[in-house]
Amino acid sequence: MNVSFLFGSGISKNAGLKDVSEITKIVLSGEGISRHTDSEYYFMPPLYGLKEDENVKRIINFLGILKKENDDYFKIIDYEYDTNYEDLYFIVSQLDDEIFGDQKNIFVRNYLKDIKAHEELILESSNTMYPDFEFRELVSETKTYIENVVSKILYSPSEDISYLSILREIYNDKGLDEINYFTLNHDILLEKYFKENDLDFYDGFSKKDGDFEIYDSNLLENQKRINLIKLHGSIDWKRYREKGKDWSGDYIAKYDIKVGYDPKDNKGTIQHPIDNRSRIVIGTENKLAAYNYGITSDMMCFFKQKQNENNFIIISGYGFKDKGINLRILDWYYECDYNKIILIHHNYNKLKQDASFAVGSKMDGWLQEKRMLIIEKKFEEVTWKEIKTLLS
């Protein structure tokens, strides 16, 4: 028997990792964050003895204006909602695409004109460190800022993760031929649990080069009994380039980070990523585009393949707010009358209320059809025996 799980950020809360609202507060505050000379943002004091980082100040001003306008929009349509960092990243991404010609959208163009009315306030400088900082640069810098801050927050040391012991129970079930874990989380908790408990798994990174594990695009052919597929990327994935090559020499690799240690290839040469950004997918509607290229496309193809091979998917920690993931769940659900969802969540009514309309409006019907089965508990409270009873 094969089983497939879909995990969201809810399964990481017990490890002490911050949730969306907590991450949003940090992103909007800018507290303790500065731009380094490598053009990336870190939790560190401002450079050159400055009291505050001018770039961060401008970005915080910009994000504050965007958040207010987005919150006001939801009030107008009478929808209770608090804008988070994913919403802000989506807005900034649209502005960036419009400025640099990656899209042509009259509505975004008009909004760009409106937001630029605040340009003088946003770009107001308190010193002369970045005297020529333009609005188009601010937009690109803001994308980088959010990416950097989110990835570095998720690098925070996790607390005891023994609460994930159900993963050991599942592994020990000899009746399971294949176990597929699809996760929307950028953190590395699942990898940590598997390694600490000697559970062999495959995540697409199989080629070794010194300290590095390199992504193998033959993902669908090299699967093992446990497959960990990170649909939104990971904080430890970065992009590298073979020496002397152009984009054709790019590859994705990861390594175990050790403080004060620079990773080396098998020749002993220190390797540096093209940029210092983790390969993670952030935002709301813009994820739909990311699902169609690069490593993310491969992961989504694997997700689709395994959905087609299984009549059950076990979901926990996911709030049903990602349009692309929701569409794939809906396609799969209505493709076959035998397809069923096992939902693990401690507060079904709250989940249904907060989910996107496309899914939330259907959930009660799924329950009545007995094609969605609920275990109304937190993930860490559930046993494999409970899940397996529903599977049978």
Protein backbone atom coordinates (compact mmCIF):
# COMPACT_ATOMS: atom_id res chain seq x y z
CA MET A 1 0.00 0.00 0.00
CA ASN A 2 1.12 3.56 -0.77
CA VAL A 3 0.15 6.63 1.27
CA SER A 4 0.47 10.36 0.60
CA PHE A 5 0.49 13.23 3.08
CA LEU A 6 0.19 16.98 2.49
CA PHE A 7 1.60 19.14 5.28
CA GLY A 8 1.34 22.88 5.97
CA SER A 9 2.93 25.16 8.54
CA GLY A 10 0.62 23.94 11.29
CA ILE A 11 2.76 20.86 11.89
CA SER A 12 5.80 23.04 12.66
CA LYS A 13 4.30 25.14 15.44
CA ASN A 14 5.21 22.69 18.19
CA ALA A 15 8.87 23.01 17.24
CA GLY A 16 8.86 26.67 18.27
CA LEU A 17 8.92 28.01 14.71
CA LYS A 18 6.99 31.22 14.11
CA ASP A 19 3.68 31.22 12.28
CA VAL A 20 2.58 33.55 9.47
CA SER A 21 1.32 36.31 11.78
CA GLU A 22 4.52 36.30 13.85
CA ILE A 23 6.73 36.37 10.76
CA THR A 24 4.64 39.25 9.38
CA LYS A 25 5.21 41.31 12.53
CA ILE A 26 8.98 40.86 12.23
CA VAL A 27 8.97 41.69 8.51
CA LEU A 28 6.95 44.87 9.14
CA SER A 29 9.04 45.99 12.11
CA GLY A 30 12.49 45.70 10.52
CA GLU A 31 13.85 45.50 14.05
CA GLY A 32 17.43 44.27 14.21
CA ILE A 33 17.64 43.82 10.42
CA SER A 34 20.25 45.42 8.17
CA ARG A 35 21.49 45.23 4.60
CA HIS A 36 24.93 43.67 4.27
CA THR A 37 27.56 44.49 1.64
CA ASP A 38 26.50 41.36 -0.30
CA SER A 39 23.12 43.12 -0.92
CA GLU A 40 21.28 40.65 1.32
CA TYR A 41 19.46 41.32 4.59
CA TYR A 42 20.50 39.83 7.93
CA PHE A 43 19.62 40.04 11.60
CA MET A 44 22.59 42.24 12.49
CA PRO A 45 23.40 45.84 13.53
CA PRO A 46 23.61 48.50 10.79
CA LEU A 47 26.96 48.83 9.04
CA TYR A 48 29.45 51.66 9.53
CA GLY A 49 28.22 52.50 13.01
CA LEU A 50 24.88 53.91 11.82
CA LYS A 51 21.96 54.00 14.25
CA GLU A 52 19.54 52.63 11.66
CA ASP A 53 19.73 51.06 8.24
CA GLU A 54 18.41 53.50 5.64
CA ASN A 55 17.38 50.77 3.21
CA VAL A 56 15.38 48.93 5.85
CA LYS A 57 13.71 52.17 6.94
CA ARG A 58 12.53 52.84 3.38
CA ILE A 59 11.31 49.29 2.93
CA ILE A 60 9.36 49.39 6.21
CA ASN A 61 7.73 52.69 5.15
CA PHE A 62 6.82 51.15 1.81
CA LEU A 63 5.41 47.94 3.31
CA GLY A 64 3.43 49.95 5.87
CA ILE A 65 1.69 51.89 3.09
CA LEU A 66 0.98 48.71 1.12
CA LYS A 67 -0.42 46.94 4.18
CA LYS A 68 -2.73 49.83 5.06
CA GLU A 69 -4.09 49.99 1.53
CA ASN A 70 -4.62 46.23 1.39
CA ASP A 71 -6.32 46.19 4.81
CA ASP A 72 -8.58 49.07 3.66
CA TYR A 73 -9.49 47.08 0.55
CA PHE A 74 -10.71 44.14 2.63
CA LYS A 75 -12.76 46.51 4.79
CA ILE A 76 -14.43 47.89 1.67
CA ILE A 77 -15.50 44.41 0.54
CA ASP A 78 -16.56 43.63 4.13
CA TYR A 79 -14.12 40.78 4.61
CA GLU A 80 -12.35 40.28 7.91
CA TYR A 81 -8.70 39.82 7.02
CA ASP A 82 -5.28 40.97 8.20
CA THR A 83 -2.69 41.37 5.45
CA ASN A 84 0.35 39.13 5.93
CA TYR A 85 3.84 38.98 4.43
CA GLU A 86 2.69 36.60 1.67
CA ASP A 87 0.08 39.14 0.51
CA LEU A 88 2.67 41.92 0.59
CA TYR A 89 5.16 39.84 -1.39
CA PHE A 90 2.51 39.20 -4.04
CA ILE A 91 1.75 42.93 -4.38
CA VAL A 92 5.44 43.83 -4.58
CA SER A 93 6.04 41.06 -7.14
CA GLN A 94 3.31 42.47 -9.39
CA LEU A 95 4.78 45.96 -9.15
CA ASP A 96 8.24 44.57 -9.90
CA ASP A 97 6.96 42.66 -12.95
CA GLU A 98 5.23 45.78 -14.24
CA ILE A 99 8.27 48.03 -13.76
CA PHE A 100 10.66 45.65 -15.48
CA GLY A 101 8.28 44.61 -18.26
CA ASP A 102 7.65 41.01 -17.20
CA GLN A 103 3.92 41.68 -17.36
CA LYS A 104 1.64 44.29 -18.89
CA ASN A 105 -1.42 44.89 -16.76
CA ILE A 106 -3.36 48.15 -16.89
CA PHE A 107 -4.70 47.70 -13.34
CA VAL A 108 -1.23 47.13 -11.89
CA ARG A 109 0.04 50.06 -13.97
CA ASN A 110 -2.62 52.33 -12.49
CA TYR A 111 -1.90 51.12 -8.96
CA LEU A 112 1.80 51.70 -9.58
CA LYS A 113 1.01 55.33 -10.37
CA ASP A 114 -1.02 55.63 -7.18
CA ILE A 115 1.64 54.11 -4.95
CA LYS A 116 4.35 56.26 -6.54
CA ALA A 117 2.47 59.27 -5.22
CA HIS A 118 4.05 58.33 -1.88
CA GLU A 119 7.51 58.16 -3.47
CA GLU A 120 8.90 61.27 -1.82
CA LEU A 121 7.84 60.08 1.64
CA ILE A 122 9.13 56.55 1.13
CA LEU A 123 12.48 57.54 -0.32
CA GLU A 124 13.14 60.35 2.13
CA SER A 125 16.76 59.97 3.20
CA SER A 126 18.19 60.70 6.63
CA ASN A 127 21.79 60.33 5.46
CA THR A 128 23.73 60.13 2.21
CA MET A 129 24.65 56.45 2.19
CA TYR A 130 22.25 55.67 -0.67
CA PRO A 131 21.59 59.12 -2.24
CA ASP A 132 20.50 57.78 -5.65
CA PHE A 133 18.08 55.12 -4.43
CA GLU A 134 15.15 55.05 -6.90
CA PHE A 135 11.64 53.71 -6.56
CA ARG A 136 12.23 50.81 -8.96
CA GLU A 137 15.20 49.75 -6.83
CA LEU A 138 13.05 49.98 -3.72
CA VAL A 139 10.56 47.51 -5.19
CA SER A 140 13.28 44.95 -6.03
CA GLU A 141 14.97 45.47 -2.67
CA THR A 142 11.67 44.86 -0.89
CA LYS A 143 11.29 41.45 -2.58
CA THR A 144 14.83 40.54 -1.52
CA TYR A 145 14.18 41.82 2.01
CA ILE A 146 11.07 39.65 2.50
CA GLU A 147 12.78 36.56 1.03
CA ASN A 148 15.85 37.00 3.25
CA VAL A 149 13.96 37.72 6.46
CA VAL A 150 11.53 34.80 6.05
CA SER A 151 14.27 32.27 5.29
CA LYS A 152 16.47 33.43 8.18
CA ILE A 153 13.60 33.32 10.68
CA LEU A 154 13.00 29.68 9.74
CA TYR A 155 16.66 28.88 10.40
CA SER A 156 16.01 29.48 14.09
CA PRO A 157 17.00 26.50 16.26
CA SER A 158 13.98 24.26 16.77
CA GLU A 159 12.86 22.92 20.12
CA ASP A 160 12.27 19.24 20.87
CA ILE A 161 10.76 17.60 17.78
CA SER A 162 9.93 14.25 19.34
CA TYR A 163 6.27 15.20 18.87
CA LEU A 164 6.74 14.01 15.27
CA SER A 165 7.00 10.42 16.55
CA ILE A 166 4.04 9.41 14.36
CA LEU A 167 6.51 9.50 11.45
CA ARG A 168 8.39 6.63 13.11
CA GLU A 169 5.11 4.71 13.55
CA ILE A 170 4.36 5.14 9.86
CA TYR A 171 7.87 4.08 8.88
CA ASN A 172 7.61 0.93 11.02
CA ASP A 173 4.44 -0.21 9.26
CA LYS A 174 5.77 -3.00 7.02
CA GLY A 175 2.53 -2.97 5.03
CA LEU A 176 3.48 0.37 3.46
CA ASP A 177 5.49 0.09 0.26
CA GLU A 178 5.78 3.83 -0.36
CA ILE A 179 5.28 6.88 1.86
CA ASN A 180 5.10 10.29 0.19
CA TYR A 181 5.34 13.44 2.28
CA PHE A 182 4.41 16.58 0.34
CA THR A 183 5.09 19.70 2.37
CA LEU A 184 4.49 23.41 1.79
CA ASN A 185 6.94 24.30 4.56
CA HIS A 186 10.33 25.90 3.91
CA ASP A 187 11.78 24.72 7.23
CA ILE A 188 13.91 21.58 7.60
CA LEU A 189 12.13 19.91 10.54
CA LEU A 190 11.11 16.78 8.66
CA GLU A 191 14.65 16.26 7.35
CA LYS A 192 15.97 16.75 10.87
CA TYR A 193 13.57 14.15 12.30
CA PHE A 194 14.35 11.61 9.57
CA LYS A 195 18.11 12.01 10.05
CA GLU A 196 18.01 11.91 13.84
CA ASN A 197 15.96 8.70 13.71
CA ASP A 198 17.89 7.04 10.86
CA LEU A 199 14.88 6.98 8.53
CA ASP A 200 16.20 6.77 4.99
CA PHE A 201 14.44 9.21 2.66
CA TYR A 202 14.75 10.74 -0.80
CA ASP A 203 14.17 14.42 -1.51
CA GLY A 204 15.59 14.82 -5.02
CA PHE A 205 19.11 15.64 -3.83
CA SER A 206 21.17 12.54 -4.51
CA LYS A 207 24.41 13.60 -6.20
CA LYS A 208 27.23 14.24 -3.71
CA ASP A 209 30.00 16.79 -4.33
CA GLY A 210 32.04 17.31 -1.18
CA ASP A 211 29.82 19.04 1.38
CA PHE A 212 27.06 19.50 -1.18
CA GLU A 213 24.07 17.46 -2.23
CA ILE A 214 23.03 18.42 -5.75
CA TYR A 215 19.50 18.27 -7.06
CA ASP A 216 18.93 15.45 -9.53
CA SER A 217 16.29 16.33 -12.13
CA ASN A 218 15.46 12.62 -12.55
CA LEU A 219 13.27 12.98 -9.47
CA LEU A 220 10.51 10.68 -10.68
CA GLU A 221 12.89 7.81 -11.34
CA ASN A 222 14.96 7.75 -8.14
CA GLN A 223 12.26 7.55 -5.49
CA LYS A 224 12.64 5.47 -2.33
CA ARG A 225 10.23 4.12 0.25
CA ILE A 226 10.07 7.57 1.90
CA ASN A 227 9.91 10.54 -0.46
CA LEU A 228 10.00 14.09 0.92
CA ILE A 229 8.80 16.57 -1.70
CA LYS A 230 9.02 20.27 -0.79
CA LEU A 231 6.52 22.00 -3.06
CA HIS A 232 7.48 25.52 -1.93
CA GLY A 233 11.22 25.01 -1.78
CA SER A 234 13.50 24.99 1.23
CA ILE A 235 15.65 27.37 3.24
CA ASP A 236 18.72 25.19 2.57
CA TRP A 237 18.36 25.16 -1.25
CA LYS A 238 20.54 27.65 -3.11
CA ARG A 239 21.57 28.27 -6.71
CA TYR A 240 25.12 27.74 -7.90
CA ARG A 241 26.85 27.98 -11.27
CA GLU A 242 29.62 25.93 -12.81
CA LYS A 243 32.76 27.98 -13.33
CA GLY A 244 33.01 29.60 -16.77
CA LYS A 245 29.41 28.83 -17.75
CA ASP A 246 26.28 30.90 -18.23
CA TRP A 247 22.77 29.99 -17.09
CA SER A 248 23.22 26.55 -18.64
CA GLY A 249 25.67 25.78 -15.82
CA ASP A 250 23.23 26.61 -13.02
CA TYR A 251 22.24 23.98 -10.49
CA ILE A 252 20.48 23.76 -7.13
CA ALA A 253 22.37 22.31 -4.17
CA LYS A 254 22.15 22.16 -0.39
CA TYR A 255 24.49 21.47 2.51
CA ASP A 256 24.32 21.24 6.29
CA ILE A 257 25.16 24.70 7.57
CA LYS A 258 27.93 24.85 10.15
CA VAL A 259 28.81 28.13 11.83
CA GLY A 260 32.20 29.43 10.72
CA TYR A 261 32.58 26.77 8.04
CA ASP A 262 32.54 27.46 4.30
CA PRO A 263 31.27 24.49 2.25
CA LYS A 264 33.66 22.89 -0.24
CA ASP A 265 33.27 20.64 -3.26
CA ASN A 266 35.10 17.32 -3.60
CA LYS A 267 38.20 19.18 -4.84
CA GLY A 268 38.36 21.23 -1.65
CA THR A 269 37.25 24.44 -3.37
CA ILE A 270 34.94 26.74 -1.43
CA GLN A 271 31.68 27.23 -3.31
CA HIS A 272 29.56 30.37 -3.13
CA PRO A 273 25.95 30.63 -4.32
CA ILE A 274 25.13 33.03 -7.16
CA ASP A 275 23.06 34.98 -4.67
CA ASN A 276 22.51 34.25 -1.01
CA ARG A 277 18.78 33.66 -1.39
CA SER A 278 17.13 30.44 -0.38
CA ARG A 279 15.10 28.87 -3.19
CA ILE A 280 11.69 29.30 -1.62
CA VAL A 281 8.32 30.17 -3.13
CA ILE A 282 6.62 33.07 -1.32
CA GLY A 283 3.46 35.03 -2.07
CA THR A 284 -0.16 34.26 -2.84
CA GLU A 285 -1.33 34.23 -6.46
CA ASN A 286 2.24 34.55 -7.82
CA LYS A 287 2.94 30.96 -6.72
CA LEU A 288 0.92 29.81 -9.73
CA ALA A 289 3.68 31.04 -12.05
CA ALA A 290 6.44 29.50 -9.91
CA TYR A 291 4.75 26.10 -10.16
CA ASN A 292 5.54 26.02 -13.88
CA TYR A 293 9.33 26.25 -14.05
CA GLY A 294 12.53 25.02 -12.48
CA ILE A 295 12.79 22.69 -9.52
CA THR A 296 9.31 23.69 -8.30
CA SER A 297 7.79 22.42 -11.55
CA ASP A 298 9.46 19.04 -11.02
CA MET A 299 8.09 18.82 -7.49
CA MET A 300 4.57 19.70 -8.65
CA CYS A 301 4.75 17.04 -11.39
CA PHE A 302 5.66 14.43 -8.78
CA PHE A 303 2.77 15.63 -6.61
CA LYS A 304 0.36 15.24 -9.54
CA GLN A 305 1.67 11.77 -10.38
CA LYS A 306 1.31 10.49 -6.84
CA GLN A 307 -2.16 12.02 -6.50
CA ASN A 308 -3.23 10.04 -9.55
CA GLU A 309 -1.85 6.82 -8.03
CA ASN A 310 -3.69 7.19 -4.68
CA ASN A 311 -7.35 7.35 -3.66
CA PHE A 312 -6.49 8.97 -0.32
CA ILE A 313 -4.55 12.05 0.68
CA ILE A 314 -3.92 12.81 4.36
CA ILE A 315 -3.81 16.57 5.05
CA SER A 316 -2.62 18.33 8.20
CA GLY A 317 -1.39 21.83 9.03
CA TYR A 318 -2.66 23.30 5.75
CA GLY A 319 -5.19 26.16 5.75
CA PHE A 320 -6.45 25.72 2.15
CA LYS A 321 -5.44 29.24 1.09
CA ASP A 322 -3.00 28.45 -1.72
CA LYS A 323 -4.89 28.72 -5.01
CA GLY A 324 -2.53 26.46 -6.95
CA ILE A 325 -2.56 23.69 -4.34
CA ASN A 326 -6.33 24.02 -3.90
CA LEU A 327 -6.88 23.59 -7.64
CA ARG A 328 -4.81 20.42 -7.66
CA ILE A 329 -6.76 19.03 -4.70
CA LEU A 330 -10.08 19.90 -6.36
CA ASP A 331 -9.03 18.35 -9.69
CA TRP A 332 -7.98 15.16 -7.94
CA TYR A 333 -11.08 14.99 -5.71
CA TYR A 334 -13.57 15.28 -8.57
CA GLU A 335 -11.59 13.08 -10.96
CA CYS A 336 -12.75 9.88 -9.28
CA ASP A 337 -15.64 9.07 -6.95
CA TYR A 338 -13.32 6.90 -4.84
CA ASN A 339 -10.89 9.70 -3.98
CA LYS A 340 -11.08 10.76 -0.33
CA ILE A 341 -9.41 13.23 2.01
CA ILE A 342 -8.41 12.44 5.58
CA LEU A 343 -8.21 15.78 7.36
CA ILE A 344 -6.33 16.15 10.64
CA HIS A 345 -7.26 19.42 12.34
CA HIS A 346 -8.28 20.35 15.88
CA ASN A 347 -10.84 23.01 14.86
CA TYR A 348 -12.76 22.11 11.71
CA ASN A 349 -15.19 25.06 11.81
CA LYS A 350 -12.38 27.61 12.11
CA LEU A 351 -10.45 25.93 9.30
CA LYS A 352 -13.52 25.96 7.04
CA GLN A 353 -14.19 29.63 7.81
CA ASP A 354 -10.61 30.70 7.05
CA ALA A 355 -10.13 28.54 3.94
CA SER A 356 -10.50 30.01 0.46
CA PHE A 357 -14.07 30.02 -0.82
CA ALA A 358 -13.28 27.46 -3.54
CA VAL A 359 -12.58 24.83 -0.87
CA GLY A 360 -14.33 26.13 2.26
CA SER A 361 -17.72 26.24 0.51
CA LYS A 362 -17.43 22.56 -0.41
CA MET A 363 -16.13 21.05 2.83
CA ASP A 364 -19.50 20.38 4.49
CA GLY A 365 -20.64 18.67 1.29
CA TRP A 366 -17.54 16.50 1.30
CA LEU A 367 -18.35 15.48 4.87
CA GLN A 368 -21.92 14.57 3.95
CA GLU A 369 -20.65 12.50 1.04
CA LYS A 370 -18.27 10.79 3.48
CA ARG A 371 -15.42 11.57 1.11
CA MET A 372 -13.71 13.78 3.66
CA LEU A 373 -13.00 12.08 6.96
CA ILE A 374 -11.93 14.18 9.93
CA ILE A 375 -9.70 13.46 12.89
CA GLU A 376 -10.41 16.53 15.01
CA LYS A 377 -7.10 16.62 16.84
CA LYS A 378 -3.75 18.35 16.55
CA PHE A 379 -1.24 16.49 14.40
CA GLU A 380 0.98 15.64 17.37
CA GLU A 381 -1.98 14.03 19.17
CA VAL A 382 -2.83 11.57 16.38
CA THR A 383 -1.61 7.99 16.08
CA TRP A 384 -0.94 6.08 12.90
CA LYS A 385 -3.50 3.50 14.06
CA GLU A 386 -6.26 6.16 13.98
CA ILE A 387 -5.35 7.20 10.45
CA LYS A 388 -4.98 3.63 9.24
CA THR A 389 -8.47 2.79 10.53
CA LEU A 390 -9.91 5.46 8.23
CA LEU A 391 -7.77 4.31 5.31
CA SER A 392 -9.32 0.86 5.56
